[in-house]
Amino acid sequence: MVESFSPEGSGVLVRLRYRDSLTTDSFPIIMPGDTGAVTGAVVALRFFLHDTPHSYTLDSGRVYVQRTPSGISVRSTGAGVESAIRIRAQLDSREIPIGRDSVSCNYTP
């Protein structure tokens, strides 16, 4: 999950659902409640326009992930509906560090 928020309250959330390992790949944008998709990405945006908050989730498009030795780069193009208006969005984030799991995935009887 990638989160980026400004102190003013604007931000982006990208949640990647992938199989075994995160590699360079392209993911279809899915809705947050989609439990049937094995792989996909949920993208949500929040921003202010003239002191009015706006937020929406992309419902179509793709997220492109490039794995690098130090992290990932994420690029997304898609569209969503906010206040009955269809809005297109393009996102680009580079060199996002990847944290390490602190819990072992090994089976312990």
Foldseek 3Di string as FASTA:
>chain_A
DDWDADPVGWIKDKDWQDDDDDAFDKFWADDPPDPPDRTHMKMKTWDDDPNDIWIWIFHGWMWTWHADPFGIKIWTWGWTDTPNDIDIDIDTGPRDGDDDDPDDPDDDD
